[in-house]
Amino acid sequence: GAPIWPAVDLAVDVDGGDGTVTLTVTHQNAATSAGPCAFHVALTGAVAGEEVLVPIDLADGPTIVATVPDPGFIVTGTTLDPLAECLVFPAAALTGAPRHAPGWSPWRAPADDAP
């Protein structure tokens, strides 16, 4: 059958005391996804160029907690696998939604609904 690619959830917690950032990566389909893979998660700031890459290896378990020293900026976002090292996706993206409407075919012209 078709491979099941790793799906993860990301959670970022910023410690107000010393600026340490904790990144938690939860591998949602660890039991069924295609083998482990290693990739990075980018912690990004509001200003272009504010970025820290955090290495993640799914072989380390279904929940990985990485502690990052103060990056020198306020973390405002994350980018999953910015270097395209692994076929890993956000868990919310793999909900099983159909790719095309029922009856769609690449071999048929679209129906003309014009009067």
PDB file of N, CA and C in Angstrom:
ATOM      1  N   GLY A   1       0.807  -1.182   0.000  1.00  0.00           N
ATOM      2  CA  GLY A   1       0.000   0.000   0.000  1.00  0.00           C
ATOM      3  C   GLY A   1       0.857   1.255   0.000  1.00  0.00           C
ATOM      4  N   ALA A   2       0.187   2.355  -0.041  1.00  0.00           N
ATOM      5  CA  ALA A   2       0.860   3.656  -0.036  1.00  0.00           C
ATOM      6  C   ALA A   2       1.502   3.906   1.319  1.00  0.00           C
ATOM      7  N   PRO A   3       2.670   4.543   1.335  1.00  0.00           N
ATOM      8  CA  PRO A   3       3.314   4.848   2.619  1.00  0.00           C
ATOM      9  C   PRO A   3       2.515   5.890   3.401  1.00  0.00           C
ATOM     10  N   ILE A   4       2.637   5.825   4.698  1.00  0.00           N
ATOM     11  CA  ILE A   4       2.024   6.818   5.575  1.00  0.00           C
ATOM     12  C   ILE A   4       3.160   7.683   6.099  1.00  0.00           C
ATOM     13  N   TRP A   5       3.166   8.950   5.706  1.00  0.00           N
ATOM     14  CA  TRP A   5       4.260   9.844   6.068  1.00  0.00           C
ATOM     15  C   TRP A   5       4.103  10.341   7.494  1.00  0.00           C
ATOM     16  N   PRO A   6       5.209  10.629   8.164  1.00  0.00           N
ATOM     17  CA  PRO A   6       5.131  11.126   9.538  1.00  0.00           C
ATOM     18  C   PRO A   6       4.321  12.421   9.642  1.00  0.00           C
ATOM     19  N   ALA A   7       3.483  12.473  10.677  1.00  0.00           N
ATOM     20  CA  ALA A   7       2.676  13.666  10.945  1.00  0.00           C
ATOM     21  C   ALA A   7       2.975  14.117  12.375  1.00  0.00           C
ATOM     22  N   VAL A   8       3.277  15.398  12.536  1.00  0.00           N
ATOM     23  CA  VAL A   8       3.672  15.900  13.846  1.00  0.00           C
ATOM     24  C   VAL A   8       2.884  17.142  14.240  1.00  0.00           C
ATOM     25  N   ASP A   9       2.801  17.356  15.546  1.00  0.00           N
ATOM     26  CA  ASP A   9       2.291  18.603  16.106  1.00  0.00           C
ATOM     27  C   ASP A   9       3.471  19.321  16.738  1.00  0.00           C
ATOM     28  N   LEU A  10       3.496  20.646  16.613  1.00  0.00           N
ATOM     29  CA  LEU A  10       4.553  21.463  17.197  1.00  0.00           C
ATOM     30  C   LEU A  10       3.957  22.345  18.288  1.00  0.00           C
ATOM     31  N   ALA A  11       4.676  22.468  19.397  1.00  0.00           N
ATOM     32  CA  ALA A  11       4.274  23.379  20.469  1.00  0.00           C
ATOM     33  C   ALA A  11       5.510  24.126  20.939  1.00  0.00           C
ATOM     34  N   VAL A  12       5.394  25.445  21.057  1.00  0.00           N
ATOM     35  CA  VAL A  12       6.513  26.283  21.491  1.00  0.00           C
ATOM     36  C   VAL A  12       6.132  26.940  22.803  1.00  0.00           C
ATOM     37  N   ASP A  13       7.055  26.867  23.769  1.00  0.00           N
ATOM     38  CA  ASP A  13       6.852  27.512  25.058  1.00  0.00           C
ATOM     39  C   ASP A  13       8.066  28.392  25.333  1.00  0.00           C
ATOM     40  N   VAL A  14       7.824  29.667  25.572  1.00  0.00           N
ATOM     41  CA  VAL A  14       8.908  30.608  25.844  1.00  0.00           C
ATOM     42  C   VAL A  14       8.945  30.876  27.341  1.00  0.00           C
ATOM     43  N   ASP A  15      10.100  30.596  27.955  1.00  0.00           N
ATOM     44  CA  ASP A  15      10.285  30.836  29.382  1.00  0.00           C
ATOM     45  C   ASP A  15      10.531  32.327  29.590  1.00  0.00           C
ATOM     46  N   GLY A  16       9.652  32.967  30.332  1.00  0.00           N
ATOM     47  CA  GLY A  16       9.770  34.399  30.552  1.00  0.00           C
ATOM     48  C   GLY A  16      10.990  34.817  31.347  1.00  0.00           C
ATOM     49  N   GLY A  17      11.625  33.897  32.055  1.00  0.00           N
ATOM     50  CA  GLY A  17      12.759  34.244  32.896  1.00  0.00           C
ATOM     51  C   GLY A  17      14.040  34.476  32.128  1.00  0.00           C
ATOM     52  N   ASP A  18      14.557  33.455  31.491  1.00  0.00           N
ATOM     53  CA  ASP A  18      15.864  33.585  30.839  1.00  0.00           C
ATOM     54  C   ASP A  18      15.791  33.540  29.314  1.00  0.00           C
ATOM     55  N   GLY A  19      14.611  33.506  28.743  1.00  0.00           N
ATOM     56  CA  GLY A  19      14.474  33.516  27.291  1.00  0.00           C
ATOM     57  C   GLY A  19      14.583  32.154  26.645  1.00  0.00           C
ATOM     58  N   THR A  20      14.785  31.109  27.453  1.00  0.00           N
ATOM     59  CA  THR A  20      14.870  29.759  26.906  1.00  0.00           C
ATOM     60  C   THR A  20      13.560  29.395  26.215  1.00  0.00           C
ATOM     61  N   VAL A  21      13.680  28.732  25.066  1.00  0.00           N
ATOM     62  CA  VAL A  21      12.514  28.304  24.301  1.00  0.00           C
ATOM     63  C   VAL A  21      12.472  26.782  24.327  1.00  0.00           C
ATOM     64  N   THR A  22      11.307  26.235  24.612  1.00  0.00           N
ATOM     65  CA  THR A  22      11.122  24.788  24.588  1.00  0.00           C
ATOM     66  C   THR A  22      10.235  24.437  23.406  1.00  0.00           C
ATOM     67  N   LEU A  23      10.745  23.565  22.539  1.00  0.00           N
ATOM     68  CA  LEU A  23       9.996  23.087  21.384  1.00  0.00           C
ATOM     69  C   LEU A  23       9.611  21.641  21.644  1.00  0.00           C
ATOM     70  N   THR A  24       8.318  21.355  21.607  1.00  0.00           N
ATOM     71  CA  THR A  24       7.841  19.982  21.771  1.00  0.00           C
ATOM     72  C   THR A  24       7.279  19.513  20.445  1.00  0.00           C
ATOM     73  N   VAL A  25       7.817  18.391  19.954  1.00  0.00           N
ATOM     74  CA  VAL A  25       7.365  17.794  18.700  1.00  0.00           C
ATOM     75  C   VAL A  25       6.715  16.462  19.054  1.00  0.00           C
ATOM     76  N   THR A  26       5.443  16.317  18.716  1.00  0.00           N
ATOM     77  CA  THR A  26       4.709  15.088  19.003  1.00  0.00           C
ATOM     78  C   THR A  26       4.409  14.374  17.691  1.00  0.00           C
ATOM     79  N   HIS A  27       4.964  13.178  17.547  1.00  0.00           N
ATOM     80  CA  HIS A  27       4.781  12.355  16.345  1.00  0.00           C
ATOM     81  C   HIS A  27       3.434  11.646  16.481  1.00  0.00           C
ATOM     82  N   GLN A  28       2.419  12.133  15.774  1.00  0.00           N
ATOM     83  CA  GLN A  28       1.052  11.658  15.961  1.00  0.00           C
ATOM     84  C   GLN A  28       0.803  10.251  15.421  1.00  0.00           C
ATOM     85  N   ASN A  29       1.531   9.838  14.397  1.00  0.00           N
ATOM     86  CA  ASN A  29       1.291   8.519  13.817  1.00  0.00           C
ATOM     87  C   ASN A  29       2.561   7.663  13.838  1.00  0.00           C
ATOM     88  N   ALA A  30       3.260   7.690  14.968  1.00  0.00           N
ATOM     89  CA  ALA A  30       4.544   6.986  15.096  1.00  0.00           C
ATOM     90  C   ALA A  30       4.416   5.490  14.840  1.00  0.00           C
ATOM     91  N   ALA A  31       3.311   4.891  15.232  1.00  0.00           N
ATOM     92  CA  ALA A  31       3.163   3.442  15.087  1.00  0.00           C
ATOM     93  C   ALA A  31       2.933   3.009  13.651  1.00  0.00           C
ATOM     94  N   THR A  32       2.430   3.901  12.803  1.00  0.00           N
ATOM     95  CA  THR A  32       2.063   3.490  11.447  1.00  0.00           C
ATOM     96  C   THR A  32       2.838   4.189  10.339  1.00  0.00           C
ATOM     97  N   SER A  33       3.562   5.250  10.642  1.00  0.00           N
ATOM     98  CA  SER A  33       4.217   6.005   9.570  1.00  0.00           C
ATOM     99  C   SER A  33       5.478   5.306   9.075  1.00  0.00           C
ATOM    100  N   ALA A  34       5.865   5.665   7.841  1.00  0.00           N
ATOM    101  CA  ALA A  34       7.086   5.136   7.243  1.00  0.00           C
ATOM    102  C   ALA A  34       8.272   5.557   8.102  1.00  0.00           C
ATOM    103  N   GLY A  35       9.225   4.689   8.287  1.00  0.00           N
ATOM    104  CA  GLY A  35      10.418   4.849   9.103  1.00  0.00           C
ATOM    105  C   GLY A  35      10.719   6.214   9.688  1.00  0.00           C
ATOM    106  N   PRO A  36      11.622   6.249  10.645  1.00  0.00           N
ATOM    107  CA  PRO A  36      11.968   7.520  11.280  1.00  0.00           C
ATOM    108  C   PRO A  36      12.729   8.430  10.318  1.00  0.00           C
ATOM    109  N   CYS A  37      12.701   9.681  10.615  1.00  0.00           N
ATOM    110  CA  CYS A  37      13.462  10.624   9.797  1.00  0.00           C
ATOM    111  C   CYS A  37      13.966  11.758  10.686  1.00  0.00           C
ATOM    112  N   ALA A  38      14.998  12.413  10.203  1.00  0.00           N
ATOM    113  CA  ALA A  38      15.592  13.535  10.926  1.00  0.00           C
ATOM    114  C   ALA A  38      15.402  14.796  10.084  1.00  0.00           C
ATOM    115  N   PHE A  39      15.086  15.891  10.745  1.00  0.00           N
ATOM    116  CA  PHE A  39      14.810  17.147  10.059  1.00  0.00           C
ATOM    117  C   PHE A  39      15.029  18.280  11.042  1.00  0.00           C
ATOM    118  N   HIS A  40      14.788  19.499  10.604  1.00  0.00           N
ATOM    119  CA  HIS A  40      14.884  20.676  11.467  1.00  0.00           C
ATOM    120  C   HIS A  40      13.530  21.363  11.555  1.00  0.00           C
ATOM    121  N   VAL A  41      13.337  22.084  12.633  1.00  0.00           N
ATOM    122  CA  VAL A  41      12.207  22.994  12.790  1.00  0.00           C
ATOM    123  C   VAL A  41      12.818  24.377  12.957  1.00  0.00           C
ATOM    124  N   ALA A  42      12.338  25.339  12.178  1.00  0.00           N
ATOM    125  CA  ALA A  42      12.834  26.710  12.290  1.00  0.00           C
ATOM    126  C   ALA A  42      11.943  27.480  13.258  1.00  0.00           C
ATOM    127  N   LEU A  43      12.581  28.073  14.256  1.00  0.00           N
ATOM    128  CA  LEU A  43      11.895  29.029  15.129  1.00  0.00           C
ATOM    129  C   LEU A  43      12.150  30.390  14.515  1.00  0.00           C
ATOM    130  N   THR A  44      11.100  31.130  14.204  1.00  0.00           N
ATOM    131  CA  THR A  44      11.253  32.396  13.498  1.00  0.00           C
ATOM    132  C   THR A  44      10.745  33.563  14.333  1.00  0.00           C
ATOM    133  N   GLY A  45      11.289  34.738  14.036  1.00  0.00           N
ATOM    134  CA  GLY A  45      10.871  35.968  14.685  1.00  0.00           C
ATOM    135  C   GLY A  45      10.092  36.842  13.723  1.00  0.00           C
ATOM    136  N   ALA A  46       9.731  38.025  14.181  1.00  0.00           N
ATOM    137  CA  ALA A  46       8.934  38.945  13.382  1.00  0.00           C
ATOM    138  C   ALA A  46       9.749  39.655  12.304  1.00  0.00           C
ATOM    139  N   VAL A  47      11.061  39.709  12.473  1.00  0.00           N
ATOM    140  CA  VAL A  47      11.930  40.419  11.533  1.00  0.00           C
ATOM    141  C   VAL A  47      12.600  39.399  10.607  1.00  0.00           C
ATOM    142  N   ALA A  48      12.671  39.715   9.326  1.00  0.00           N
ATOM    143  CA  ALA A  48      13.316  38.827   8.353  1.00  0.00           C
ATOM    144  C   ALA A  48      14.725  38.479   8.824  1.00  0.00           C
ATOM    145  N   GLY A  49      15.081  37.216   8.725  1.00  0.00           N
ATOM    146  CA  GLY A  49      16.400  36.769   9.134  1.00  0.00           C
ATOM    147  C   GLY A  49      16.475  36.262  10.566  1.00  0.00           C
ATOM    148  N   GLU A  50      15.441  36.529  11.358  1.00  0.00           N
ATOM    149  CA  GLU A  50      15.422  35.999  12.721  1.00  0.00           C
ATOM    150  C   GLU A  50      14.967  34.538  12.647  1.00  0.00           C
ATOM    151  N   GLU A  51      15.937  33.639  12.791  1.00  0.00           N
ATOM    152  CA  GLU A  51      15.630  32.218  12.652  1.00  0.00           C
ATOM    153  C   GLU A  51      16.678  31.375  13.372  1.00  0.00           C
ATOM    154  N   VAL A  52      16.214  30.351  14.055  1.00  0.00           N
ATOM    155  CA  VAL A  52      17.081  29.363  14.686  1.00  0.00           C
ATOM    156  C   VAL A  52      16.578  27.999  14.243  1.00  0.00           C
ATOM    157  N   LEU A  53      17.495  27.150  13.749  1.00  0.00           N
ATOM    158  CA  LEU A  53      17.130  25.799  13.340  1.00  0.00           C
ATOM    159  C   LEU A  53      17.342  24.835  14.505  1.00  0.00           C
ATOM    160  N   VAL A  54      16.322  24.038  14.781  1.00  0.00           N
ATOM    161  CA  VAL A  54      16.373  23.060  15.864  1.00  0.00           C
ATOM    162  C   VAL A  54      16.350  21.666  15.252  1.00  0.00           C
ATOM    163  N   PRO A  55      17.399  20.846  15.474  1.00  0.00           N
ATOM    164  CA  PRO A  55      17.402  19.491  14.913  1.00  0.00           C
ATOM    165  C   PRO A  55      16.438  18.574  15.656  1.00  0.00           C
ATOM    166  N   ILE A  56      15.698  17.773  14.878  1.00  0.00           N
ATOM    167  CA  ILE A  56      14.739  16.814  15.429  1.00  0.00           C
ATOM    168  C   ILE A  56      14.982  15.474  14.747  1.00  0.00           C
ATOM    169  N   ASP A  57      14.977  14.408  15.531  1.00  0.00           N
ATOM    170  CA  ASP A  57      15.116  13.061  14.983  1.00  0.00           C
ATOM    171  C   ASP A  57      13.974  12.220  15.547  1.00  0.00           C
ATOM    172  N   LEU A  58      13.055  11.788  14.679  1.00  0.00           N
ATOM    173  CA  LEU A  58      11.889  11.038  15.144  1.00  0.00           C
ATOM    174  C   LEU A  58      12.262   9.677  15.714  1.00  0.00           C
ATOM    175  N   ALA A  59      13.495   9.221  15.489  1.00  0.00           N
ATOM    176  CA  ALA A  59      13.953   7.972  16.098  1.00  0.00           C
ATOM    177  C   ALA A  59      14.093   8.113  17.610  1.00  0.00           C
ATOM    178  N   ASP A  60      14.095   9.351  18.117  1.00  0.00           N
ATOM    179  CA  ASP A  60      14.242   9.598  19.556  1.00  0.00           C
ATOM    180  C   ASP A  60      12.966   9.339  20.348  1.00  0.00           C
ATOM    181  N   GLY A  61      11.879   9.014  19.672  1.00  0.00           N
ATOM    182  CA  GLY A  61      10.632   8.702  20.369  1.00  0.00           C
ATOM    183  C   GLY A  61       9.456   9.479  19.839  1.00  0.00           C
ATOM    184  N   PRO A  62       8.241   9.163  20.309  1.00  0.00           N
ATOM    185  CA  PRO A  62       7.045   9.827  19.791  1.00  0.00           C
ATOM    186  C   PRO A  62       6.876  11.262  20.262  1.00  0.00           C
ATOM    187  N   THR A  63       7.520  11.625  21.375  1.00  0.00           N
ATOM    188  CA  THR A  63       7.473  13.013  21.849  1.00  0.00           C
ATOM    189  C   THR A  63       8.898  13.466  22.102  1.00  0.00           C
ATOM    190  N   ILE A  64       9.295  14.517  21.416  1.00  0.00           N
ATOM    191  CA  ILE A  64      10.654  15.042  21.534  1.00  0.00           C
ATOM    192  C   ILE A  64      10.559  16.451  22.097  1.00  0.00           C
ATOM    193  N   VAL A  65      11.316  16.713  23.151  1.00  0.00           N
ATOM    194  CA  VAL A  65      11.350  18.040  23.766  1.00  0.00           C
ATOM    195  C   VAL A  65      12.764  18.587  23.587  1.00  0.00           C
ATOM    196  N   ALA A  66      12.863  19.694  22.870  1.00  0.00           N
ATOM    197  CA  ALA A  66      14.165  20.332  22.623  1.00  0.00           C
ATOM    198  C   ALA A  66      14.184  21.679  23.327  1.00  0.00           C
ATOM    199  N   THR A  67      15.229  21.925  24.100  1.00  0.00           N
ATOM    200  CA  THR A  67      15.398  23.192  24.785  1.00  0.00           C
ATOM    201  C   THR A  67      16.414  24.024  24.016  1.00  0.00           C
ATOM    202  N   VAL A  68      16.021  25.236  23.677  1.00  0.00           N
ATOM    203  CA  VAL A  68      16.860  26.135  22.889  1.00  0.00           C
ATOM    204  C   VAL A  68      17.235  27.332  23.760  1.00  0.00           C
ATOM    205  N   PRO A  69      18.540  27.621  23.898  1.00  0.00           N
ATOM    206  CA  PRO A  69      18.925  28.819  24.653  1.00  0.00           C
ATOM    207  C   PRO A  69      18.308  30.067  24.010  1.00  0.00           C
ATOM    208  N   ASP A  70      18.263  31.136  24.737  1.00  0.00           N
ATOM    209  CA  ASP A  70      17.687  32.396  24.243  1.00  0.00           C
ATOM    210  C   ASP A  70      18.137  32.675  22.812  1.00  0.00           C
ATOM    211  N   PRO A  71      17.200  32.683  21.853  1.00  0.00           N
ATOM    212  CA  PRO A  71      17.585  32.909  20.452  1.00  0.00           C
ATOM    213  C   PRO A  71      17.935  34.364  20.141  1.00  0.00           C
ATOM    214  N   GLY A  72      17.677  35.274  21.071  1.00  0.00           N
ATOM    215  CA  GLY A  72      17.988  36.685  20.830  1.00  0.00           C
ATOM    216  C   GLY A  72      16.856  37.449  20.173  1.00  0.00           C
ATOM    217  N   PHE A  73      15.725  36.797  19.991  1.00  0.00           N
ATOM    218  CA  PHE A  73      14.536  37.454  19.434  1.00  0.00           C
ATOM    219  C   PHE A  73      13.308  36.761  20.009  1.00  0.00           C
ATOM    220  N   ILE A  74      12.152  37.391  19.840  1.00  0.00           N
ATOM    221  CA  ILE A  74      10.896  36.803  20.306  1.00  0.00           C
ATOM    222  C   ILE A  74      10.405  35.844  19.226  1.00  0.00           C
ATOM    223  N   VAL A  75      10.199  34.595  19.597  1.00  0.00           N
ATOM    224  CA  VAL A  75       9.721  33.590  18.649  1.00  0.00           C
ATOM    225  C   VAL A  75       8.254  33.859  18.345  1.00  0.00           C
ATOM    226  N   THR A  76       7.965  34.083  17.071  1.00  0.00           N
ATOM    227  CA  THR A  76       6.589  34.365  16.658  1.00  0.00           C
ATOM    228  C   THR A  76       6.016  33.272  15.761  1.00  0.00           C
ATOM    229  N   GLY A  77       6.852  32.328  15.331  1.00  0.00           N
ATOM    230  CA  GLY A  77       6.340  31.276  14.468  1.00  0.00           C
ATOM    231  C   GLY A  77       7.316  30.120  14.324  1.00  0.00           C
ATOM    232  N   THR A  78       6.851  29.088  13.636  1.00  0.00           N
ATOM    233  CA  THR A  78       7.673  27.920  13.353  1.00  0.00           C
ATOM    234  C   THR A  78       7.515  27.533  11.891  1.00  0.00           C
ATOM    235  N   THR A  79       8.539  26.881  11.358  1.00  0.00           N
ATOM    236  CA  THR A  79       8.465  26.308  10.018  1.00  0.00           C
ATOM    237  C   THR A  79       8.922  24.863  10.137  1.00  0.00           C
ATOM    238  N   LEU A  80       8.062  23.951   9.753  1.00  0.00           N
ATOM    239  CA  LEU A  80       8.365  22.532   9.809  1.00  0.00           C
ATOM    240  C   LEU A  80       9.211  22.139   8.608  1.00  0.00           C
ATOM    241  N   ASP A  81      10.363  21.538   8.863  1.00  0.00           N
ATOM    242  CA  ASP A  81      11.267  21.010   7.848  1.00  0.00           C
ATOM    243  C   ASP A  81      11.598  22.029   6.749  1.00  0.00           C
ATOM    244  N   PRO A  82      12.156  23.188   7.121  1.00  0.00           N
ATOM    245  CA  PRO A  82      12.446  24.229   6.121  1.00  0.00           C
ATOM    246  C   PRO A  82      13.524  23.822   5.112  1.00  0.00           C
ATOM    247  N   LEU A  83      14.331  22.832   5.450  1.00  0.00           N
ATOM    248  CA  LEU A  83      15.397  22.384   4.548  1.00  0.00           C
ATOM    249  C   LEU A  83      14.963  21.187   3.700  1.00  0.00           C
ATOM    250  N   ALA A  84      13.700  20.785   3.812  1.00  0.00           N
ATOM    251  CA  ALA A  84      13.140  19.661   3.045  1.00  0.00           C
ATOM    252  C   ALA A  84      14.002  18.405   3.190  1.00  0.00           C
ATOM    253  N   GLU A  85      14.269  18.020   4.437  1.00  0.00           N
ATOM    254  CA  GLU A  85      15.109  16.860   4.719  1.00  0.00           C
ATOM    255  C   GLU A  85      14.321  15.562   4.851  1.00  0.00           C
ATOM    256  N   CYS A  86      13.015  15.674   5.058  1.00  0.00           N
ATOM    257  CA  CYS A  86      12.199  14.505   5.368  1.00  0.00           C
ATOM    258  C   CYS A  86      10.773  14.767   4.885  1.00  0.00           C
ATOM    259  N   LEU A  87      10.058  13.727   4.530  1.00  0.00           N
ATOM    260  CA  LEU A  87       8.652  13.901   4.190  1.00  0.00           C
ATOM    261  C   LEU A  87       7.856  13.853   5.496  1.00  0.00           C
ATOM    262  N   VAL A  88       7.796  14.993   6.160  1.00  0.00           N
ATOM    263  CA  VAL A  88       7.072  15.129   7.418  1.00  0.00           C
ATOM    264  C   VAL A  88       6.065  16.256   7.254  1.00  0.00           C
ATOM    265  N   PHE A  89       4.886  16.072   7.835  1.00  0.00           N
ATOM    266  CA  PHE A  89       3.800  17.022   7.633  1.00  0.00           C
ATOM    267  C   PHE A  89       3.145  17.382   8.955  1.00  0.00           C
ATOM    268  N   PRO A  90       2.505  18.561   9.002  1.00  0.00           N
ATOM    269  CA  PRO A  90       1.718  18.887  10.201  1.00  0.00           C
ATOM    270  C   PRO A  90       0.573  17.881  10.323  1.00  0.00           C
ATOM    271  N   ALA A  91       0.292  17.430  11.522  1.00  0.00           N
ATOM    272  CA  ALA A  91      -0.757  16.426  11.726  1.00  0.00           C
ATOM    273  C   ALA A  91      -2.099  16.907  11.174  1.00  0.00           C
ATOM    274  N   ALA A  92      -2.391  18.181  11.303  1.00  0.00           N
ATOM    275  CA  ALA A  92      -3.672  18.716  10.821  1.00  0.00           C
ATOM    276  C   ALA A  92      -3.808  18.612   9.305  1.00  0.00           C
ATOM    277  N   ALA A  93      -2.694  18.528   8.590  1.00  0.00           N
ATOM    278  CA  ALA A  93      -2.746  18.462   7.125  1.00  0.00           C
ATOM    279  C   ALA A  93      -3.124  17.073   6.621  1.00  0.00           C
ATOM    280  N   LEU A  94      -3.025  16.065   7.463  1.00  0.00           N
ATOM    281  CA  LEU A  94      -3.297  14.698   7.040  1.00  0.00           C
ATOM    282  C   LEU A  94      -4.614  14.188   7.605  1.00  0.00           C
ATOM    283  N   THR A  95      -5.691  14.900   7.317  1.00  0.00           N
ATOM    284  CA  THR A  95      -6.989  14.538   7.877  1.00  0.00           C
ATOM    285  C   THR A  95      -7.767  13.586   6.990  1.00  0.00           C
ATOM    286  N   GLY A  96      -7.214  13.238   5.845  1.00  0.00           N
ATOM    287  CA  GLY A  96      -7.906  12.303   4.970  1.00  0.00           C
ATOM    288  C   GLY A  96      -8.930  12.963   4.065  1.00  0.00           C
ATOM    289  N   ALA A  97      -8.870  14.259   3.908  1.00  0.00           N
ATOM    290  CA  ALA A  97      -9.809  14.950   3.025  1.00  0.00           C
ATOM    291  C   ALA A  97      -9.571  14.516   1.582  1.00  0.00           C
ATOM    292  N   PRO A  98     -10.636  14.388   0.789  1.00  0.00           N
ATOM    293  CA  PRO A  98     -10.461  13.988  -0.607  1.00  0.00           C
ATOM    294  C   PRO A  98      -9.686  15.048  -1.390  1.00  0.00           C
ATOM    295  N   ARG A  99      -8.907  14.609  -2.328  1.00  0.00           N
ATOM    296  CA  ARG A  99      -8.117  15.534  -3.145  1.00  0.00           C
ATOM    297  C   ARG A  99      -8.953  16.176  -4.247  1.00  0.00           C
ATOM    298  N   HIS A 100      -9.979  15.474  -4.708  1.00  0.00           N
ATOM    299  CA  HIS A 100     -10.826  15.982  -5.784  1.00  0.00           C
ATOM    300  C   HIS A 100     -12.282  15.656  -5.454  1.00  0.00           C
ATOM    301  N   ALA A 101     -13.168  16.376  -6.080  1.00  0.00           N
ATOM    302  CA  ALA A 101     -14.592  16.130  -5.889  1.00  0.00           C
ATOM    303  C   ALA A 101     -14.960  14.760  -6.463  1.00  0.00           C
ATOM    304  N   PRO A 102     -15.976  14.109  -5.897  1.00  0.00           N
ATOM    305  CA  PRO A 102     -16.407  12.822  -6.439  1.00  0.00           C
ATOM    306  C   PRO A 102     -16.734  12.939  -7.924  1.00  0.00           C
ATOM    307  N   GLY A 103     -16.303  11.973  -8.711  1.00  0.00           N
ATOM    308  CA  GLY A 103     -16.559  11.973 -10.144  1.00  0.00           C
ATOM    309  C   GLY A 103     -15.506  12.691 -10.962  1.00  0.00           C
ATOM    310  N   TRP A 104     -14.555  13.363 -10.295  1.00  0.00           N
ATOM    311  CA  TRP A 104     -13.505  14.083 -11.016  1.00  0.00           C
ATOM    312  C   TRP A 104     -12.587  13.087 -11.719  1.00  0.00           C
ATOM    313  N   SER A 105     -12.181  13.431 -12.930  1.00  0.00           N
ATOM    314  CA  SER A 105     -11.255  12.581 -13.672  1.00  0.00           C
ATOM    315  C   SER A 105     -10.333  13.467 -14.493  1.00  0.00           C
ATOM    316  N   PRO A 106      -9.047  13.139 -14.532  1.00  0.00           N
ATOM    317  CA  PRO A 106      -8.142  13.944 -15.359  1.00  0.00           C
ATOM    318  C   PRO A 106      -8.353  13.695 -16.847  1.00  0.00           C
ATOM    319  N   TRP A 107      -9.162  12.694 -17.168  1.00  0.00           N
ATOM    320  CA  TRP A 107      -9.348  12.322 -18.570  1.00  0.00           C
ATOM    321  C   TRP A 107     -10.623  12.894 -19.161  1.00  0.00           C
ATOM    322  N   ARG A 108     -11.417  13.622 -18.376  1.00  0.00           N
ATOM    323  CA  ARG A 108     -12.647  14.224 -18.885  1.00  0.00           C
ATOM    324  C   ARG A 108     -12.578  15.729 -18.788  1.00  0.00           C
ATOM    325  N   ALA A 109     -13.148  16.384 -19.787  1.00  0.00           N
ATOM    326  CA  ALA A 109     -13.243  17.847 -19.748  1.00  0.00           C
ATOM    327  C   ALA A 109     -14.265  18.226 -18.682  1.00  0.00           C
ATOM    328  N   PRO A 110     -14.084  19.383 -18.013  1.00  0.00           N
ATOM    329  CA  PRO A 110     -15.077  19.799 -17.014  1.00  0.00           C
ATOM    330  C   PRO A 110     -16.441  20.015 -17.648  1.00  0.00           C
ATOM    331  N   ALA A 111     -17.474  19.773 -16.869  1.00  0.00           N
ATOM    332  CA  ALA A 111     -18.842  19.978 -17.363  1.00  0.00           C
ATOM    333  C   ALA A 111     -19.050  21.458 -17.643  1.00  0.00           C
ATOM    334  N   ASP A 112     -19.738  21.756 -18.719  1.00  0.00           N
ATOM    335  CA  ASP A 112     -20.038  23.144 -19.074  1.00  0.00           C
ATOM    336  C   ASP A 112     -21.414  23.481 -18.512  1.00  0.00           C
ATOM    337  N   ASP A 113     -21.438  24.293 -17.451  1.00  0.00           N
ATOM    338  CA  ASP A 113     -22.692  24.651 -16.805  1.00  0.00           C
ATOM    339  C   ASP A 113     -23.287  25.937 -17.370  1.00  0.00           C
ATOM    340  N   ALA A 114     -22.633  26.515 -18.387  1.00  0.00           N
ATOM    341  CA  ALA A 114     -23.134  27.775 -18.966  1.00  0.00           C
ATOM    342  C   ALA A 114     -24.404  27.507 -19.758  1.00  0.00           C
ATOM    343  N   PRO A 115     -25.373  28.449 -19.718  1.00  0.00           N
ATOM    344  CA  PRO A 115     -26.629  28.257 -20.479  1.00  0.00           C
ATOM    345  C   PRO A 115     -26.416  28.321 -21.973  1.00  0.00           C
TER     346      PRO A 115
END
